[in-house]
Amino acid sequence: MKRSNPLRSGISAAALCALALGLVARPASATTVTTTFAVTATVQSTCLVSATAMAFGTYTGALATSTSTVSVTCSNTTPYNIGLSAGLATSATVTTRAMTGPGAATLTYGLFQDSGHSTNWGQTVSTDTVAGTGNGAAQAITVYGQAAAGQYVAPGSYADTITATITY
């Protein structure tokens, strides 16, 4: 019996391997293409404001003091000024504020920037307002109130409303 040599039959072992490998499935070759795009935004300066009530309590004719907190939240690096209105009493100004009570009686008081009650707080920017710069978080600013002694007005409840204005 004659044995045949595969190398002599015309098909080499390498060719057989190549044929076998060609029959095995290969993953498809993927091509990728990329691009870029710009992302932009314009941030406008913005501010928010809130305040707590100021309550003098029971006024007995003696000097009375109280505080309120104005909270200002402005976008980072935004300069601002806080002004306080004269209130609602007839003839009130930022230097002569008054709460109105029974029969249109008034109890005068002042609002100040400092605890010593020496710097009036008004509403004219760069004159009698409080300036600050926003940092993106709430900033608490104290308003100091004082009702002068020696006011013997009609008994009853007295009230006023102050508007805090942020200029930025």
Foldseek 3Di string as FASTA:
>chain_A
DDDDDVVPVPADPVNVVVVVVVVDDDDDDDDDDDDDDDDDDDDDKDKDKDKDDWDQDDDDLAKTKTKMKIKMAIAAFAKKWKFKAQWDQPPGGQAWHWWAWPPRDTFTKFKAQDPVRPQGGHGDPPPRIDMDTHHRDIDIGMIMMMGHGRDDIDDGDTDTDMDMDMDD
